[in-house]
C-alpha atoms as a PDB file:
ATOM      1  CA  MET A   1     -95.057 163.038 -65.474  1.00  0.00           C
ATOM      2  CA  LYS A   2     -96.533 165.978 -63.521  1.00  0.00           C
ATOM      3  CA  PHE A   3     -98.884 166.695 -66.442  1.00  0.00           C
ATOM      4  CA  LYS A   4    -100.221 163.122 -66.380  1.00  0.00           C
ATOM      5  CA  LYS A   5    -100.700 163.168 -62.603  1.00  0.00           C
ATOM      6  CA  HIS A   6    -102.582 166.477 -62.844  1.00  0.00           C
ATOM      7  CA  HIS A   7    -104.990 165.135 -65.473  1.00  0.00           C
ATOM      8  CA  ARG A   8    -105.453 161.907 -63.535  1.00  0.00           C
ATOM      9  CA  LYS A   9    -106.536 163.856 -60.441  1.00  0.00           C
ATOM     10  CA  ARG A  10    -108.958 165.952 -62.510  1.00  0.00           C
ATOM     11  CA  ALA A  11    -110.485 162.794 -64.037  1.00  0.00           C
ATOM     12  CA  ILE A  12    -110.976 161.225 -60.587  1.00  0.00           C
ATOM     13  CA  LEU A  13    -112.614 164.384 -59.244  1.00  0.00           C
ATOM     14  CA  PHE A  14    -114.933 164.484 -62.276  1.00  0.00           C
ATOM     15  CA  LEU A  15    -116.010 160.843 -61.797  1.00  0.00           C
ATOM     16  CA  VAL A  16    -116.635 161.343 -58.085  1.00  0.00           C
ATOM     17  CA  SER A  17    -118.640 164.521 -58.786  1.00  0.00           C
ATOM     18  CA  LEU A  18    -120.861 162.622 -61.222  1.00  0.00           C
ATOM     19  CA  ALA A  19    -121.423 159.934 -58.605  1.00  0.00           C
ATOM     20  CA  MET A  20    -122.621 162.541 -56.091  1.00  0.00           C
ATOM     21  CA  ILE A  21    -125.276 164.107 -58.343  1.00  0.00           C
ATOM     22  CA  PRO A  22    -128.091 161.563 -57.630  1.00  0.00           C
ATOM     23  CA  ILE A  23    -127.281 161.724 -53.901  1.00  0.00           C
ATOM     24  CA  PHE A  24    -127.493 165.534 -53.882  1.00  0.00           C
ATOM     25  CA  ILE A  25    -130.822 165.446 -55.751  1.00  0.00           C
ATOM     26  CA  THR A  26    -132.261 162.972 -53.238  1.00  0.00           C
ATOM     27  CA  LEU A  27    -131.041 165.071 -50.321  1.00  0.00           C
ATOM     28  CA  TYR A  28    -132.584 168.176 -51.908  1.00  0.00           C
ATOM     29  CA  GLU A  29    -135.971 166.433 -52.225  1.00  0.00           C
ATOM     30  CA  VAL A  30    -135.828 165.313 -48.579  1.00  0.00           C
ATOM     31  CA  ILE A  31    -134.782 168.710 -47.179  1.00  0.00           C
ATOM     32  CA  PHE A  32    -136.615 171.225 -49.381  1.00  0.00           C
ATOM     33  CA  THR A  33    -139.821 169.398 -50.343  1.00  0.00           C
ATOM     34  CA  GLU A  34    -142.743 168.224 -48.277  1.00  0.00           C
ATOM     35  CA  ASN A  35    -142.206 164.643 -49.323  1.00  0.00           C
ATOM     36  CA  ARG A  36    -140.458 163.046 -46.336  1.00  0.00           C
ATOM     37  CA  SER A  37    -140.327 159.559 -47.790  1.00  0.00           C
ATOM     38  CA  VAL A  38    -138.069 159.742 -50.782  1.00  0.00           C
ATOM     39  CA  MET A  39    -136.754 156.577 -52.445  1.00  0.00           C
ATOM     40  CA  PHE A  40    -133.253 156.906 -53.846  1.00  0.00           C
ATOM     41  CA  LEU A  41    -133.589 157.225 -57.658  1.00  0.00           C
ATOM     42  CA  GLY A  42    -137.290 156.412 -57.229  1.00  0.00           C
ATOM     43  CA  ASP A  43    -138.566 159.080 -59.672  1.00  0.00           C
ATOM     44  CA  TYR A  44    -136.001 158.430 -62.375  1.00  0.00           C
ATOM     45  CA  ASN A  45    -136.489 156.585 -65.622  1.00  0.00           C
ATOM     46  CA  PRO A  46    -135.647 152.847 -65.155  1.00  0.00           C
ATOM     47  CA  LYS A  47    -132.956 153.115 -67.848  1.00  0.00           C
ATOM     48  CA  ILE A  48    -131.305 155.983 -65.993  1.00  0.00           C
ATOM     49  CA  VAL A  49    -131.521 154.006 -62.737  1.00  0.00           C
ATOM     50  CA  ILE A  50    -129.783 151.037 -64.381  1.00  0.00           C
ATOM     51  CA  VAL A  51    -127.065 153.308 -65.801  1.00  0.00           C
ATOM     52  CA  VAL A  52    -126.511 154.940 -62.384  1.00  0.00           C
ATOM     53  CA  ILE A  53    -126.372 151.568 -60.621  1.00  0.00           C
ATOM     54  CA  PHE A  54    -123.815 150.269 -63.132  1.00  0.00           C
ATOM     55  CA  TYR A  55    -121.896 153.500 -62.715  1.00  0.00           C
ATOM     56  CA  TYR A  56    -121.748 153.071 -58.940  1.00  0.00           C
ATOM     57  CA  ALA A  57    -120.692 149.458 -59.436  1.00  0.00           C
ATOM     58  CA  PHE A  58    -117.941 150.706 -61.763  1.00  0.00           C
ATOM     59  CA  LEU A  59    -116.772 153.213 -59.138  1.00  0.00           C
ATOM     60  CA  LEU A  60    -116.798 150.489 -56.487  1.00  0.00           C
ATOM     61  CA  CYS A  61    -114.649 148.208 -58.670  1.00  0.00           C
ATOM     62  CA  LEU A  62    -112.360 151.127 -59.486  1.00  0.00           C
ATOM     63  CA  GLY A  63    -111.944 151.887 -55.778  1.00  0.00           C
ATOM     64  CA  ALA A  64    -111.236 148.231 -54.998  1.00  0.00           C
ATOM     65  CA  TYR A  65    -108.682 148.100 -57.835  1.00  0.00           C
ATOM     66  CA  TRP A  66    -106.953 151.229 -56.514  1.00  0.00           C
ATOM     67  CA  PHE A  67    -106.902 149.852 -52.962  1.00  0.00           C
ATOM     68  CA  ILE A  68    -105.401 146.528 -54.091  1.00  0.00           C
ATOM     69  CA  ARG A  69    -102.767 148.357 -56.141  1.00  0.00           C
ATOM     70  CA  GLN A  70    -101.812 150.398 -53.092  1.00  0.00           C
ATOM     71  CA  LEU A  71    -101.455 147.232 -51.017  1.00  0.00           C
ATOM     72  CA  ILE A  72     -99.273 145.636 -53.704  1.00  0.00           C
ATOM     73  CA  PHE A  73     -97.162 148.789 -53.941  1.00  0.00           C
ATOM     74  CA  ILE A  74     -96.622 148.887 -50.161  1.00  0.00           C
ATOM     75  CA  SER A  75     -95.768 145.182 -50.138  1.00  0.00           C
ATOM     76  CA  LYS A  76     -93.207 145.617 -52.938  1.00  0.00           C
ATOM     77  CA  LEU A  77     -91.737 148.626 -51.169  1.00  0.00           C
ATOM     78  CA  LYS A  78     -91.270 146.603 -47.982  1.00  0.00           C
ATOM     79  CA  ASN A  79     -89.706 143.727 -49.946  1.00  0.00           C
ATOM     80  CA  GLU A  80     -87.291 146.068 -51.710  1.00  0.00           C
ATOM     81  CA  LYS A  81     -86.350 147.650 -48.404  1.00  0.00           C
ATOM     82  CA  SER A  82     -85.724 144.203 -46.923  1.00  0.00           C
ATOM     83  CA  LYS A  83     -83.588 143.183 -49.911  1.00  0.00           C
ATOM     84  CA  VAL A  84     -81.474 146.326 -49.657  1.00  0.00           C
ATOM     85  CA  GLU A  85     -81.049 145.790 -45.929  1.00  0.00           C
ATOM     86  CA  LEU A  86     -80.051 142.157 -46.483  1.00  0.00           C
ATOM     87  CA  MET A  87     -77.461 143.158 -49.086  1.00  0.00           C
ATOM     88  CA  LEU A  88     -75.989 145.654 -46.635  1.00  0.00           C
ATOM     89  CA  LEU A  89     -75.897 143.091 -43.830  1.00  0.00           C
ATOM     90  CA  LYS A  90     -74.245 140.472 -46.054  1.00  0.00           C
ATOM     91  CA  SER A  91     -71.572 142.967 -47.081  1.00  0.00           C
ATOM     92  CA  GLN A  92     -70.596 143.297 -43.404  1.00  0.00           C
ATOM     93  CA  VAL A  93     -69.779 139.598 -42.914  1.00  0.00           C
ATOM     94  CA  SER A  94     -66.286 139.059 -41.416  1.00  0.00           C
ATOM     95  CA  PRO A  95     -64.345 141.858 -43.190  1.00  0.00           C
ATOM     96  CA  HIS A  96     -61.578 141.888 -40.562  1.00  0.00           C
ATOM     97  CA  PHE A  97     -60.837 138.195 -41.275  1.00  0.00           C
ATOM     98  CA  PHE A  98     -59.858 138.972 -44.859  1.00  0.00           C
ATOM     99  CA  PHE A  99     -57.676 141.868 -43.738  1.00  0.00           C
ATOM    100  CA  ASN A 100     -55.906 139.627 -41.214  1.00  0.00           C
ATOM    101  CA  MET A 101     -55.346 136.910 -43.815  1.00  0.00           C
ATOM    102  CA  LEU A 102     -53.857 139.398 -46.281  1.00  0.00           C
ATOM    103  CA  ASN A 103     -51.489 140.652 -43.577  1.00  0.00           C
ATOM    104  CA  ASN A 104     -50.435 137.066 -42.855  1.00  0.00           C
ATOM    105  CA  LEU A 105     -49.873 136.438 -46.553  1.00  0.00           C
ATOM    106  CA  TYR A 106     -47.647 139.488 -46.816  1.00  0.00           C
ATOM    107  CA  GLY A 107     -45.286 138.093 -44.192  1.00  0.00           C
ATOM    108  CA  LEU A 108     -45.529 134.511 -45.468  1.00  0.00           C
ATOM    109  CA  VAL A 109     -44.644 135.123 -49.137  1.00  0.00           C
ATOM    110  CA  ALA A 110     -40.926 135.604 -48.402  1.00  0.00           C
ATOM    111  CA  LYS A 111     -40.726 132.789 -45.810  1.00  0.00           C
ATOM    112  CA  ASP A 112     -42.774 129.967 -47.371  1.00  0.00           C
ATOM    113  CA  ALA A 113     -43.888 130.601 -50.947  1.00  0.00           C
ATOM    114  CA  GLU A 114     -45.578 127.209 -51.316  1.00  0.00           C
ATOM    115  CA  LYS A 115     -47.726 127.679 -48.218  1.00  0.00           C
ATOM    116  CA  ALA A 116     -48.495 131.246 -49.321  1.00  0.00           C
ATOM    117  CA  GLN A 117     -49.762 129.969 -52.669  1.00  0.00           C
ATOM    118  CA  GLU A 118     -52.006 127.439 -50.922  1.00  0.00           C
ATOM    119  CA  LEU A 119     -53.366 130.178 -48.675  1.00  0.00           C
ATOM    120  CA  ILE A 120     -54.057 132.449 -51.649  1.00  0.00           C
ATOM    121  CA  LEU A 121     -56.070 129.740 -53.427  1.00  0.00           C
ATOM    122  CA  LYS A 122     -58.174 129.013 -50.351  1.00  0.00           C
ATOM    123  CA  LEU A 123     -58.655 132.701 -49.670  1.00  0.00           C
ATOM    124  CA  SER A 124     -59.773 133.339 -53.257  1.00  0.00           C
ATOM    125  CA  ASP A 125     -62.339 130.513 -52.969  1.00  0.00           C
ATOM    126  CA  LEU A 126     -63.588 132.037 -49.732  1.00  0.00           C
ATOM    127  CA  MET A 127     -63.857 135.514 -51.231  1.00  0.00           C
ATOM    128  CA  ARG A 128     -65.560 134.208 -54.380  1.00  0.00           C
ATOM    129  CA  TYR A 129     -68.233 132.519 -52.277  1.00  0.00           C
ATOM    130  CA  SER A 130     -68.715 135.564 -50.050  1.00  0.00           C
ATOM    131  CA  ILE A 131     -69.050 137.931 -53.015  1.00  0.00           C
ATOM    132  CA  TYR A 132     -70.933 135.916 -55.625  1.00  0.00           C
ATOM    133  CA  GLU A 133     -72.862 133.161 -53.838  1.00  0.00           C
ATOM    134  CA  SER A 134     -74.154 135.593 -51.239  1.00  0.00           C
ATOM    135  CA  ASP A 135     -76.179 137.276 -54.007  1.00  0.00           C
ATOM    136  CA  ASN A 136     -78.336 134.146 -54.211  1.00  0.00           C
ATOM    137  CA  GLU A 137     -81.359 133.884 -51.970  1.00  0.00           C
ATOM    138  CA  THR A 138     -80.421 130.299 -51.069  1.00  0.00           C
ATOM    139  CA  VAL A 139     -77.534 127.861 -51.508  1.00  0.00           C
ATOM    140  CA  THR A 140     -77.157 124.160 -50.774  1.00  0.00           C
ATOM    141  CA  LEU A 141     -75.991 122.976 -47.384  1.00  0.00           C
ATOM    142  CA  LYS A 142     -73.013 121.320 -49.089  1.00  0.00           C
ATOM    143  CA  GLU A 143     -71.847 124.708 -50.358  1.00  0.00           C
ATOM    144  CA  GLU A 144     -72.184 126.195 -46.881  1.00  0.00           C
ATOM    145  CA  VAL A 145     -70.282 123.307 -45.284  1.00  0.00           C
ATOM    146  CA  ASP A 146     -67.473 123.569 -47.859  1.00  0.00           C
ATOM    147  CA  TYR A 147     -67.254 127.279 -47.115  1.00  0.00           C
ATOM    148  CA  LEU A 148     -67.033 126.649 -43.355  1.00  0.00           C
ATOM    149  CA  LYS A 149     -64.371 123.963 -43.793  1.00  0.00           C
ATOM    150  CA  ASN A 150     -62.351 126.259 -46.030  1.00  0.00           C
ATOM    151  CA  TYR A 151     -62.528 128.955 -43.363  1.00  0.00           C
ATOM    152  CA  ILE A 152     -61.329 126.483 -40.722  1.00  0.00           C
ATOM    153  CA  GLU A 153     -58.400 125.309 -42.866  1.00  0.00           C
ATOM    154  CA  LEU A 154     -57.292 128.895 -43.424  1.00  0.00           C
ATOM    155  CA  HIS A 155     -57.279 129.525 -39.683  1.00  0.00           C
ATOM    156  CA  LYS A 156     -55.310 126.358 -39.009  1.00  0.00           C
ATOM    157  CA  MET A 157     -52.674 127.426 -41.538  1.00  0.00           C
ATOM    158  CA  ARG A 158     -52.579 130.919 -40.081  1.00  0.00           C
ATOM    159  CA  TYR A 159     -51.836 130.091 -36.431  1.00  0.00           C
ATOM    160  CA  HIS A 160     -48.566 128.646 -35.135  1.00  0.00           C
ATOM    161  CA  LYS A 161     -50.289 126.467 -32.552  1.00  0.00           C
ATOM    162  CA  ASN A 162     -52.287 123.293 -32.371  1.00  0.00           C
ATOM    163  CA  ILE A 163     -56.016 123.786 -32.905  1.00  0.00           C
ATOM    164  CA  VAL A 164     -58.469 120.919 -32.496  1.00  0.00           C
ATOM    165  CA  VAL A 165     -61.635 121.299 -34.556  1.00  0.00           C
ATOM    166  CA  ASP A 166     -64.180 118.513 -34.248  1.00  0.00           C
ATOM    167  CA  PHE A 167     -66.634 118.962 -37.130  1.00  0.00           C
ATOM    168  CA  ILE A 168     -69.507 116.444 -37.108  1.00  0.00           C
ATOM    169  CA  CYS A 169     -71.729 116.798 -40.146  1.00  0.00           C
ATOM    170  CA  ASP A 170     -74.901 114.850 -40.929  1.00  0.00           C
ATOM    171  CA  ILE A 171     -76.869 116.835 -43.486  1.00  0.00           C
ATOM    172  CA  ASP A 172     -78.947 116.588 -46.624  1.00  0.00           C
ATOM    173  CA  GLU A 173     -76.400 118.195 -48.947  1.00  0.00           C
ATOM    174  CA  ASN A 174     -79.059 119.417 -51.392  1.00  0.00           C
ATOM    175  CA  LYS A 175     -81.198 121.131 -48.774  1.00  0.00           C
ATOM    176  CA  GLN A 176     -81.455 124.890 -49.371  1.00  0.00           C
ATOM    177  CA  VAL A 177     -80.503 127.565 -46.861  1.00  0.00           C
ATOM    178  CA  THR A 178     -79.815 131.309 -46.788  1.00  0.00           C
ATOM    179  CA  PRO A 179     -76.064 131.809 -47.347  1.00  0.00           C
ATOM    180  CA  LEU A 180     -73.548 133.110 -44.806  1.00  0.00           C
ATOM    181  CA  LEU A 181     -75.532 132.557 -41.628  1.00  0.00           C
ATOM    182  CA  PHE A 182     -73.345 129.991 -39.835  1.00  0.00           C
ATOM    183  CA  ILE A 183     -70.017 131.636 -40.642  1.00  0.00           C
ATOM    184  CA  ILE A 184     -70.715 134.406 -38.111  1.00  0.00           C
ATOM    185  CA  LEU A 185     -70.986 131.890 -35.256  1.00  0.00           C
ATOM    186  CA  LEU A 186     -67.848 130.079 -36.448  1.00  0.00           C
ATOM    187  CA  GLU A 187     -65.970 133.354 -36.751  1.00  0.00           C
ATOM    188  CA  ASN A 188     -66.913 134.282 -33.167  1.00  0.00           C
ATOM    189  CA  ALA A 189     -65.620 130.928 -31.914  1.00  0.00           C
ATOM    190  CA  PHE A 190     -62.185 131.673 -33.407  1.00  0.00           C
ATOM    191  CA  LYS A 191     -62.154 135.366 -32.600  1.00  0.00           C
ATOM    192  CA  HIS A 192     -63.093 135.085 -28.905  1.00  0.00           C
ATOM    193  CA  GLY A 193     -61.747 131.594 -28.246  1.00  0.00           C
ATOM    194  CA  VAL A 194     -58.910 130.312 -30.409  1.00  0.00           C
ATOM    195  CA  GLU A 195     -57.157 133.649 -30.916  1.00  0.00           C
ATOM    196  CA  ASN A 196     -56.819 134.291 -27.180  1.00  0.00           C
ATOM    197  CA  LEU A 197     -55.622 130.804 -26.194  1.00  0.00           C
ATOM    198  CA  ARG A 198     -51.940 129.897 -26.348  1.00  0.00           C
ATOM    199  CA  GLU A 199     -52.622 126.151 -26.173  1.00  0.00           C
ATOM    200  CA  ASN A 200     -55.403 123.554 -26.030  1.00  0.00           C
ATOM    201  CA  ALA A 201     -57.690 125.599 -28.278  1.00  0.00           C
ATOM    202  CA  ASN A 202     -60.651 123.554 -29.467  1.00  0.00           C
ATOM    203  CA  VAL A 203     -63.862 124.066 -31.380  1.00  0.00           C
ATOM    204  CA  LYS A 204     -66.690 121.530 -31.574  1.00  0.00           C
ATOM    205  CA  ILE A 205     -69.273 121.763 -34.368  1.00  0.00           C
ATOM    206  CA  ASN A 206     -72.373 119.648 -34.831  1.00  0.00           C
ATOM    207  CA  PHE A 207     -74.196 120.365 -38.094  1.00  0.00           C
ATOM    208  CA  THR A 208     -77.334 118.320 -38.825  1.00  0.00           C
ATOM    209  CA  SER A 209     -80.473 118.540 -40.917  1.00  0.00           C
ATOM    210  CA  SER A 210     -83.781 116.729 -41.009  1.00  0.00           C
ATOM    211  CA  LYS A 211     -86.962 117.028 -43.024  1.00  0.00           C
ATOM    212  CA  ASN A 212     -88.269 119.831 -40.811  1.00  0.00           C
ATOM    213  CA  ASN A 213     -85.214 121.763 -39.661  1.00  0.00           C
ATOM    214  CA  ILE A 214     -81.517 122.592 -39.875  1.00  0.00           C
ATOM    215  CA  LYS A 215     -79.489 122.630 -36.667  1.00  0.00           C
ATOM    216  CA  PHE A 216     -76.063 124.203 -36.205  1.00  0.00           C
ATOM    217  CA  GLU A 217     -74.353 123.878 -32.819  1.00  0.00           C
ATOM    218  CA  ILE A 218     -70.887 125.191 -32.012  1.00  0.00           C
ATOM    219  CA  GLU A 219     -68.869 125.240 -28.795  1.00  0.00           C
ATOM    220  CA  ASN A 220     -65.428 126.694 -28.066  1.00  0.00           C
ATOM    221  CA  ASN A 221     -63.240 127.123 -25.033  1.00  0.00           C
ATOM    222  CA  PHE A 222     -61.773 130.482 -24.104  1.00  0.00           C
ATOM    223  CA  ASP A 223     -59.379 132.115 -21.704  1.00  0.00           C
ATOM    224  CA  SER A 224     -61.417 132.832 -18.571  1.00  0.00           C
ATOM    225  CA  SER A 225     -58.991 135.586 -17.585  1.00  0.00           C
ATOM    226  CA  GLU A 226     -60.009 137.605 -20.634  1.00  0.00           C
ATOM    227  CA  ASN A 227     -62.669 140.250 -20.023  1.00  0.00           C
ATOM    228  CA  LEU A 228     -65.281 139.361 -22.591  1.00  0.00           C
ATOM    229  CA  LYS A 229     -67.960 141.911 -23.433  1.00  0.00           C
ATOM    230  CA  ASN A 230     -71.506 140.860 -22.688  1.00  0.00           C
ATOM    231  CA  GLU A 231     -72.892 143.048 -25.444  1.00  0.00           C
ATOM    232  CA  PRO A 232     -73.149 141.317 -28.855  1.00  0.00           C
ATOM    233  CA  GLY A 233     -70.858 142.584 -31.584  1.00  0.00           C
ATOM    234  CA  ILE A 234     -71.895 143.813 -35.013  1.00  0.00           C
ATOM    235  CA  GLY A 235     -71.662 140.280 -36.430  1.00  0.00           C
ATOM    236  CA  LEU A 236     -74.250 138.843 -34.039  1.00  0.00           C
ATOM    237  CA  LYS A 237     -76.485 141.892 -34.416  1.00  0.00           C
ATOM    238  CA  ASN A 238     -76.393 141.430 -38.197  1.00  0.00           C
ATOM    239  CA  LEU A 239     -77.105 137.711 -37.831  1.00  0.00           C
ATOM    240  CA  LYS A 240     -80.160 138.364 -35.643  1.00  0.00           C
ATOM    241  CA  ARG A 241     -81.496 140.938 -38.092  1.00  0.00           C
ATOM    242  CA  ARG A 242     -80.935 138.659 -41.104  1.00  0.00           C
ATOM    243  CA  LEU A 243     -82.759 135.841 -39.334  1.00  0.00           C
ATOM    244  CA  GLU A 244     -85.694 138.182 -38.662  1.00  0.00           C
ATOM    245  CA  LEU A 245     -85.827 139.056 -42.364  1.00  0.00           C
ATOM    246  CA  THR A 246     -85.269 135.595 -43.887  1.00  0.00           C
ATOM    247  CA  TYR A 247     -86.711 133.249 -41.242  1.00  0.00           C
ATOM    248  CA  PRO A 248     -89.372 135.268 -39.384  1.00  0.00           C
ATOM    249  CA  ASN A 249     -90.800 133.164 -36.530  1.00  0.00           C
ATOM    250  CA  LYS A 250     -88.992 130.147 -37.999  1.00  0.00           C
ATOM    251  CA  HIS A 251     -85.687 130.215 -36.149  1.00  0.00           C
ATOM    252  CA  LYS A 252     -84.170 129.827 -32.696  1.00  0.00           C
ATOM    253  CA  LEU A 253     -80.825 131.312 -31.684  1.00  0.00           C
ATOM    254  CA  ARG A 254     -79.479 130.466 -28.230  1.00  0.00           C
ATOM    255  CA  PHE A 255     -76.228 131.152 -26.396  1.00  0.00           C
ATOM    256  CA  THR A 256     -74.881 129.505 -23.240  1.00  0.00           C
ATOM    257  CA  SER A 257     -71.599 129.907 -21.401  1.00  0.00           C
ATOM    258  CA  THR A 258     -69.649 128.445 -18.492  1.00  0.00           C
ATOM    259  CA  GLU A 259     -66.419 129.521 -16.845  1.00  0.00           C
ATOM    260  CA  ASP A 260     -64.275 128.433 -19.791  1.00  0.00           C
ATOM    261  CA  SER A 261     -66.603 127.510 -22.658  1.00  0.00           C
ATOM    262  CA  TYR A 262     -69.109 129.230 -24.882  1.00  0.00           C
ATOM    263  CA  SER A 263     -71.718 127.619 -27.117  1.00  0.00           C
ATOM    264  CA  ALA A 264     -74.269 128.747 -29.664  1.00  0.00           C
ATOM    265  CA  GLN A 265     -77.180 126.930 -31.242  1.00  0.00           C
ATOM    266  CA  LEU A 266     -79.053 127.972 -34.352  1.00  0.00           C
ATOM    267  CA  ILE A 267     -82.154 126.097 -35.487  1.00  0.00           C
ATOM    268  CA  LEU A 268     -83.917 126.915 -38.752  1.00  0.00           C
ATOM    269  CA  ASN A 269     -87.398 125.472 -39.258  1.00  0.00           C
END
């Protein structure tokens, strides 16, 4: 490889040196002769002039080709970097949820084997989607909604309290979207709302799509006595970065809160 690069550099230097010969001759005639009005290639045979002109045209095309290749290379490098970063961000989606579910299963197996089996099936579906479907650039909205509903059902089975989840869905099921975007907002609603409330825990979800956009709105109540951190966690930071990479200038993410409720809105154009 080093041998090829060395010879390539020598060939380029040789071609550039050839291109400079007529220029040096013209400069010599201007500087060291009494003729102060020298036409470039003016005293050369017309055939030589034609050859030189074609040679310069060849060098110009070669330079343009090299420049375009460099632009393509830089573009591919940026795309590869973005893909690697996206893979890393996807791998960080809700890991603690799976750990918590496995801990719940451990205690449930001896108490209620039938419920444990149901939990295992739902958890395996959730893990399969997170691992395999997340490799795809896009999935259908139906697949995303099924994933969210599965997540909700697992949480309902996990807690020993009444949880009200109002999920309104009006979508084009075949519309394509980047996977695992909405789960982070849903996870936050359970983590900071449902988990800290002993009773009257509720989550409201409004998921709609139109020809021009996809809108996901979620609201949850929370215990106002809890000291919630204002700084976004790793999940929200990952979500914001993924949106920058997959929907640059084509998304809106907003958060609002009151004394006892928190809401998020994500719009994808």
